[in-house]
Amino acid sequence: MDKQMLEALKGIKQSDIRERRSVIVEEEKCPFSHRNGNRVDVVAALIRRENKIMICQRPTWKARALQWEFVGGKVEKGEELDEALVRECYEEIGVYVSVGDVFTEVEHCYPDISIHLYLFNCTIPEGEPQMKEHNDIRWVEPAELKCFEFCAADVDIIDKIIEAEEEKAR
């Protein structure tokens, strides 16, 4: 590790160093990294109802077929993050969402795309989600999230959701 890297890491917790190191390794492996301008902003909704969280199974015809995710999608040019999330939710599940604050953000590099994912706390003011695009939609307890095969970008998010729920219970 060079001197510049050591200076940058001073005062950072060990867990942050491990997390940052894994991001750096992922970026170096990724031919679609934001370093060369190919990172895509993606928004997703963390929707809760009666202590359950809505998850969606990707369709068979899309990348990461049949893996689970939080509803959302790519931000189009000129769109604000919250506008993109409202549009994506309406397109994918047929309801408008009320967008709250950002629950968390992650960066992830898939073989075909590098993403910066913003997960927002959201509610559905009216209506029932429909399977307009997804293979399945389920409402699950936070502890059950680990029982589903999620897209890789969502794996760390699952841990954060479970930690937040445990914190609330204390």
C-alpha atoms as a PDB file:
ATOM      1  CA  MET A   1       0.000   0.000   0.000  1.00  0.00           C
ATOM      2  CA  ASP A   2       1.509   3.351  -0.970  1.00  0.00           C
ATOM      3  CA  LYS A   3       1.986   6.408   1.256  1.00  0.00           C
ATOM      4  CA  GLN A   4      -0.877   8.341  -0.345  1.00  0.00           C
ATOM      5  CA  MET A   5      -3.311   5.498   0.351  1.00  0.00           C
ATOM      6  CA  LEU A   6      -2.147   5.264   3.992  1.00  0.00           C
ATOM      7  CA  GLU A   7      -2.711   9.008   4.479  1.00  0.00           C
ATOM      8  CA  ALA A   8      -6.192   8.745   3.003  1.00  0.00           C
ATOM      9  CA  LEU A   9      -7.066   5.892   5.365  1.00  0.00           C
ATOM     10  CA  LYS A  10      -5.989   7.653   8.605  1.00  0.00           C
ATOM     11  CA  GLY A  11      -8.879   8.039  11.013  1.00  0.00           C
ATOM     12  CA  ILE A  12     -11.136   5.594   9.185  1.00  0.00           C
ATOM     13  CA  LYS A  13     -12.624   2.625  11.036  1.00  0.00           C
ATOM     14  CA  GLN A  14     -11.350  -0.851  10.118  1.00  0.00           C
ATOM     15  CA  SER A  15     -14.776  -1.871   8.769  1.00  0.00           C
ATOM     16  CA  ASP A  16     -14.744   1.185   6.489  1.00  0.00           C
ATOM     17  CA  ILE A  17     -11.278   0.237   5.222  1.00  0.00           C
ATOM     18  CA  ARG A  18     -12.422  -3.295   4.344  1.00  0.00           C
ATOM     19  CA  GLU A  19     -15.523  -1.925   2.616  1.00  0.00           C
ATOM     20  CA  ARG A  20     -13.526   0.695   0.663  1.00  0.00           C
ATOM     21  CA  ARG A  21     -10.898  -1.893  -0.313  1.00  0.00           C
ATOM     22  CA  SER A  22     -13.587  -4.154  -1.761  1.00  0.00           C
ATOM     23  CA  VAL A  23     -15.056  -1.215  -3.736  1.00  0.00           C
ATOM     24  CA  ILE A  24     -11.606  -0.373  -5.125  1.00  0.00           C
ATOM     25  CA  VAL A  25     -11.032  -3.998  -6.154  1.00  0.00           C
ATOM     26  CA  GLU A  26     -14.459  -4.130  -7.835  1.00  0.00           C
ATOM     27  CA  GLU A  27     -13.758  -0.886  -9.710  1.00  0.00           C
ATOM     28  CA  GLU A  28     -10.420  -2.174 -10.977  1.00  0.00           C
ATOM     29  CA  LYS A  29     -12.074  -5.344 -12.289  1.00  0.00           C
ATOM     30  CA  CYS A  30     -14.935  -3.497 -13.931  1.00  0.00           C
ATOM     31  CA  PRO A  31     -14.556  -2.481 -17.580  1.00  0.00           C
ATOM     32  CA  PHE A  32     -17.729  -0.367 -17.227  1.00  0.00           C
ATOM     33  CA  SER A  33     -16.521   1.628 -14.233  1.00  0.00           C
ATOM     34  CA  HIS A  34     -17.627   5.198 -13.635  1.00  0.00           C
ATOM     35  CA  ARG A  35     -13.961   6.051 -14.157  1.00  0.00           C
ATOM     36  CA  ASN A  36     -14.566   5.886 -17.896  1.00  0.00           C
ATOM     37  CA  GLY A  37     -18.006   7.493 -17.725  1.00  0.00           C
ATOM     38  CA  ASN A  38     -20.164   4.370 -17.963  1.00  0.00           C
ATOM     39  CA  ARG A  39     -21.656   4.262 -14.476  1.00  0.00           C
ATOM     40  CA  VAL A  40     -25.455   4.254 -14.387  1.00  0.00           C
ATOM     41  CA  ASP A  41     -27.528   5.754 -11.578  1.00  0.00           C
ATOM     42  CA  VAL A  42     -30.248   3.373 -10.406  1.00  0.00           C
ATOM     43  CA  VAL A  43     -33.066   4.027  -7.932  1.00  0.00           C
ATOM     44  CA  ALA A  44     -35.018   1.497  -5.896  1.00  0.00           C
ATOM     45  CA  ALA A  45     -37.848   1.569  -3.360  1.00  0.00           C
ATOM     46  CA  LEU A  46     -37.761   0.100   0.133  1.00  0.00           C
ATOM     47  CA  ILE A  47     -41.501  -0.308   0.659  1.00  0.00           C
ATOM     48  CA  ARG A  48     -42.777  -1.466   4.034  1.00  0.00           C
ATOM     49  CA  ARG A  49     -46.297  -2.508   5.014  1.00  0.00           C
ATOM     50  CA  GLU A  50     -47.333  -4.057   8.338  1.00  0.00           C
ATOM     51  CA  ASN A  51     -43.707  -4.852   9.273  1.00  0.00           C
ATOM     52  CA  LYS A  52     -43.092  -6.541   5.919  1.00  0.00           C
ATOM     53  CA  ILE A  53     -40.960  -5.445   2.984  1.00  0.00           C
ATOM     54  CA  MET A  54     -41.919  -5.730  -0.674  1.00  0.00           C
ATOM     55  CA  ILE A  55     -39.460  -7.582  -2.903  1.00  0.00           C
ATOM     56  CA  CYS A  56     -39.741  -8.363  -6.601  1.00  0.00           C
ATOM     57  CA  GLN A  57     -38.382 -11.227  -8.690  1.00  0.00           C
ATOM     58  CA  ARG A  58     -36.790 -10.139 -11.951  1.00  0.00           C
ATOM     59  CA  PRO A  59     -38.331 -11.491 -15.159  1.00  0.00           C
ATOM     60  CA  THR A  60     -36.691 -14.305 -17.117  1.00  0.00           C
ATOM     61  CA  TRP A  61     -35.919 -12.057 -20.090  1.00  0.00           C
ATOM     62  CA  LYS A  62     -33.741  -9.566 -18.189  1.00  0.00           C
ATOM     63  CA  ALA A  63     -30.167  -9.742 -16.917  1.00  0.00           C
ATOM     64  CA  ARG A  64     -30.004 -11.373 -13.473  1.00  0.00           C
ATOM     65  CA  ALA A  65     -33.134 -13.326 -14.356  1.00  0.00           C
ATOM     66  CA  LEU A  66     -35.262 -14.603 -11.474  1.00  0.00           C
ATOM     67  CA  GLN A  67     -33.108 -12.928  -8.840  1.00  0.00           C
ATOM     68  CA  TRP A  68     -34.867 -10.768  -6.266  1.00  0.00           C
ATOM     69  CA  GLU A  69     -34.606  -7.003  -6.001  1.00  0.00           C
ATOM     70  CA  PHE A  70     -36.325  -3.889  -4.740  1.00  0.00           C
ATOM     71  CA  VAL A  71     -38.553  -2.329  -7.383  1.00  0.00           C
ATOM     72  CA  GLY A  72     -36.935   0.471  -9.371  1.00  0.00           C
ATOM     73  CA  GLY A  73     -34.676   1.073 -12.328  1.00  0.00           C
ATOM     74  CA  LYS A  74     -32.356   3.367 -14.244  1.00  0.00           C
ATOM     75  CA  VAL A  75     -32.479   7.119 -13.974  1.00  0.00           C
ATOM     76  CA  GLU A  76     -33.029   8.709 -17.380  1.00  0.00           C
ATOM     77  CA  LYS A  77     -31.058  11.727 -18.554  1.00  0.00           C
ATOM     78  CA  GLY A  78     -32.406  14.942 -17.006  1.00  0.00           C
ATOM     79  CA  GLU A  79     -34.491  13.107 -14.385  1.00  0.00           C
ATOM     80  CA  GLU A  80     -34.272  13.737 -10.661  1.00  0.00           C
ATOM     81  CA  LEU A  81     -33.786  10.595  -8.557  1.00  0.00           C
ATOM     82  CA  ASP A  82     -37.227  10.785  -6.936  1.00  0.00           C
ATOM     83  CA  GLU A  83     -38.929  11.401 -10.307  1.00  0.00           C
ATOM     84  CA  ALA A  84     -37.199   8.362 -11.759  1.00  0.00           C
ATOM     85  CA  LEU A  85     -38.324   6.210  -8.850  1.00  0.00           C
ATOM     86  CA  VAL A  86     -41.965   7.291  -9.148  1.00  0.00           C
ATOM     87  CA  ARG A  87     -41.877   6.580 -12.910  1.00  0.00           C
ATOM     88  CA  GLU A  88     -40.154   3.189 -12.526  1.00  0.00           C
ATOM     89  CA  CYS A  89     -42.561   2.023  -9.816  1.00  0.00           C
ATOM     90  CA  TYR A  90     -45.568   2.997 -11.901  1.00  0.00           C
ATOM     91  CA  GLU A  91     -44.142   1.231 -14.966  1.00  0.00           C
ATOM     92  CA  GLU A  92     -43.163  -1.919 -13.063  1.00  0.00           C
ATOM     93  CA  ILE A  93     -45.846  -2.369 -10.393  1.00  0.00           C
ATOM     94  CA  GLY A  94     -48.642  -0.048 -11.502  1.00  0.00           C
ATOM     95  CA  VAL A  95     -48.769   2.207  -8.435  1.00  0.00           C
ATOM     96  CA  TYR A  96     -47.400   5.603  -7.563  1.00  0.00           C
ATOM     97  CA  VAL A  97     -45.078   5.738  -4.579  1.00  0.00           C
ATOM     98  CA  SER A  98     -44.423   8.507  -2.110  1.00  0.00           C
ATOM     99  CA  VAL A  99     -40.635   8.873  -1.963  1.00  0.00           C
ATOM    100  CA  GLY A 100     -38.992   9.503   1.402  1.00  0.00           C
ATOM    101  CA  ASP A 101     -35.349   9.809   2.384  1.00  0.00           C
ATOM    102  CA  VAL A 102     -32.445   7.710   1.110  1.00  0.00           C
ATOM    103  CA  PHE A 103     -32.085   4.553   3.196  1.00  0.00           C
ATOM    104  CA  THR A 104     -28.670   3.723   1.726  1.00  0.00           C
ATOM    105  CA  GLU A 105     -26.513   3.924  -1.388  1.00  0.00           C
ATOM    106  CA  VAL A 106     -24.220   1.304  -2.908  1.00  0.00           C
ATOM    107  CA  GLU A 107     -21.941   1.061  -5.882  1.00  0.00           C
ATOM    108  CA  HIS A 108     -21.630  -2.249  -7.663  1.00  0.00           C
ATOM    109  CA  CYS A 109     -20.055  -3.519 -10.828  1.00  0.00           C
ATOM    110  CA  TYR A 110     -21.755  -6.319 -12.738  1.00  0.00           C
ATOM    111  CA  PRO A 111     -20.074  -7.840 -15.812  1.00  0.00           C
ATOM    112  CA  ASP A 112     -22.380  -5.796 -18.060  1.00  0.00           C
ATOM    113  CA  ILE A 113     -22.903  -2.571 -16.088  1.00  0.00           C
ATOM    114  CA  SER A 114     -21.537  -0.470 -13.230  1.00  0.00           C
ATOM    115  CA  ILE A 115     -24.238   1.067 -11.034  1.00  0.00           C
ATOM    116  CA  HIS A 116     -24.685   3.577  -8.248  1.00  0.00           C
ATOM    117  CA  LEU A 117     -27.843   2.391  -6.492  1.00  0.00           C
ATOM    118  CA  TYR A 118     -29.928   4.719  -4.318  1.00  0.00           C
ATOM    119  CA  LEU A 119     -32.453   2.901  -2.109  1.00  0.00           C
ATOM    120  CA  PHE A 120     -35.225   5.204  -0.869  1.00  0.00           C
ATOM    121  CA  ASN A 121     -37.731   4.647   1.912  1.00  0.00           C
ATOM    122  CA  CYS A 122     -41.120   4.708   0.157  1.00  0.00           C
ATOM    123  CA  THR A 123     -44.792   4.170   0.791  1.00  0.00           C
ATOM    124  CA  ILE A 124     -47.697   3.294  -1.461  1.00  0.00           C
ATOM    125  CA  PRO A 125     -50.429   5.853  -0.646  1.00  0.00           C
ATOM    126  CA  GLU A 126     -53.098   3.925  -2.565  1.00  0.00           C
ATOM    127  CA  GLY A 127     -53.494   0.878  -4.749  1.00  0.00           C
ATOM    128  CA  GLU A 128     -52.034  -2.594  -4.806  1.00  0.00           C
ATOM    129  CA  PRO A 129     -48.793  -3.522  -6.587  1.00  0.00           C
ATOM    130  CA  GLN A 130     -49.317  -5.511  -9.791  1.00  0.00           C
ATOM    131  CA  MET A 131     -46.922  -7.784 -11.631  1.00  0.00           C
ATOM    132  CA  LYS A 132     -46.582  -5.684 -14.769  1.00  0.00           C
ATOM    133  CA  GLU A 133     -42.954  -6.646 -15.317  1.00  0.00           C
ATOM    134  CA  HIS A 134     -41.749  -8.907 -12.514  1.00  0.00           C
ATOM    135  CA  ASN A 135     -42.076 -12.660 -12.267  1.00  0.00           C
ATOM    136  CA  ASP A 136     -43.267 -12.434  -8.643  1.00  0.00           C
ATOM    137  CA  ILE A 137     -43.909  -9.895  -5.885  1.00  0.00           C
ATOM    138  CA  ARG A 138     -43.794 -10.826  -2.203  1.00  0.00           C
ATOM    139  CA  TRP A 139     -44.152  -9.158   1.166  1.00  0.00           C
ATOM    140  CA  VAL A 140     -41.608 -10.660   3.583  1.00  0.00           C
ATOM    141  CA  GLU A 141     -40.365 -10.140   7.127  1.00  0.00           C
ATOM    142  CA  PRO A 142     -36.949  -8.428   7.232  1.00  0.00           C
ATOM    143  CA  ALA A 143     -35.351 -11.565   8.722  1.00  0.00           C
ATOM    144  CA  GLU A 144     -36.631 -13.593   5.749  1.00  0.00           C
ATOM    145  CA  LEU A 145     -34.748 -11.478   3.201  1.00  0.00           C
ATOM    146  CA  LYS A 146     -31.678 -13.703   3.495  1.00  0.00           C
ATOM    147  CA  CYS A 147     -33.751 -16.665   2.264  1.00  0.00           C
ATOM    148  CA  PHE A 148     -33.989 -15.161  -1.242  1.00  0.00           C
ATOM    149  CA  GLU A 149     -31.366 -14.945  -3.960  1.00  0.00           C
ATOM    150  CA  PHE A 150     -30.950 -11.202  -4.472  1.00  0.00           C
ATOM    151  CA  CYS A 151     -29.046  -9.358  -7.147  1.00  0.00           C
ATOM    152  CA  ALA A 152     -25.454  -8.859  -5.978  1.00  0.00           C
ATOM    153  CA  ALA A 153     -25.840  -5.077  -5.527  1.00  0.00           C
ATOM    154  CA  ASP A 154     -28.634  -5.723  -2.996  1.00  0.00           C
ATOM    155  CA  VAL A 155     -26.745  -8.180  -0.780  1.00  0.00           C
ATOM    156  CA  ASP A 156     -25.100  -5.520   1.433  1.00  0.00           C
ATOM    157  CA  ILE A 157     -28.399  -3.656   1.543  1.00  0.00           C
ATOM    158  CA  ILE A 158     -30.101  -6.714   3.041  1.00  0.00           C
ATOM    159  CA  ASP A 159     -27.606  -6.662   5.923  1.00  0.00           C
ATOM    160  CA  LYS A 160     -28.269  -2.946   6.501  1.00  0.00           C
ATOM    161  CA  ILE A 161     -32.032  -3.496   6.571  1.00  0.00           C
ATOM    162  CA  ILE A 162     -31.727  -6.310   9.106  1.00  0.00           C
ATOM    163  CA  GLU A 163     -29.316  -4.220  11.250  1.00  0.00           C
ATOM    164  CA  ALA A 164     -31.737  -1.270  11.176  1.00  0.00           C
ATOM    165  CA  GLU A 165     -34.635  -3.521  12.217  1.00  0.00           C
ATOM    166  CA  GLU A 166     -32.579  -4.981  15.082  1.00  0.00           C
ATOM    167  CA  GLU A 167     -31.644  -1.452  16.172  1.00  0.00           C
ATOM    168  CA  LYS A 168     -35.336  -0.432  16.187  1.00  0.00           C
ATOM    169  CA  ALA A 169     -36.206  -3.455  18.322  1.00  0.00           C
ATOM    170  CA  ARG A 170     -33.729  -2.459  21.073  1.00  0.00           C
END
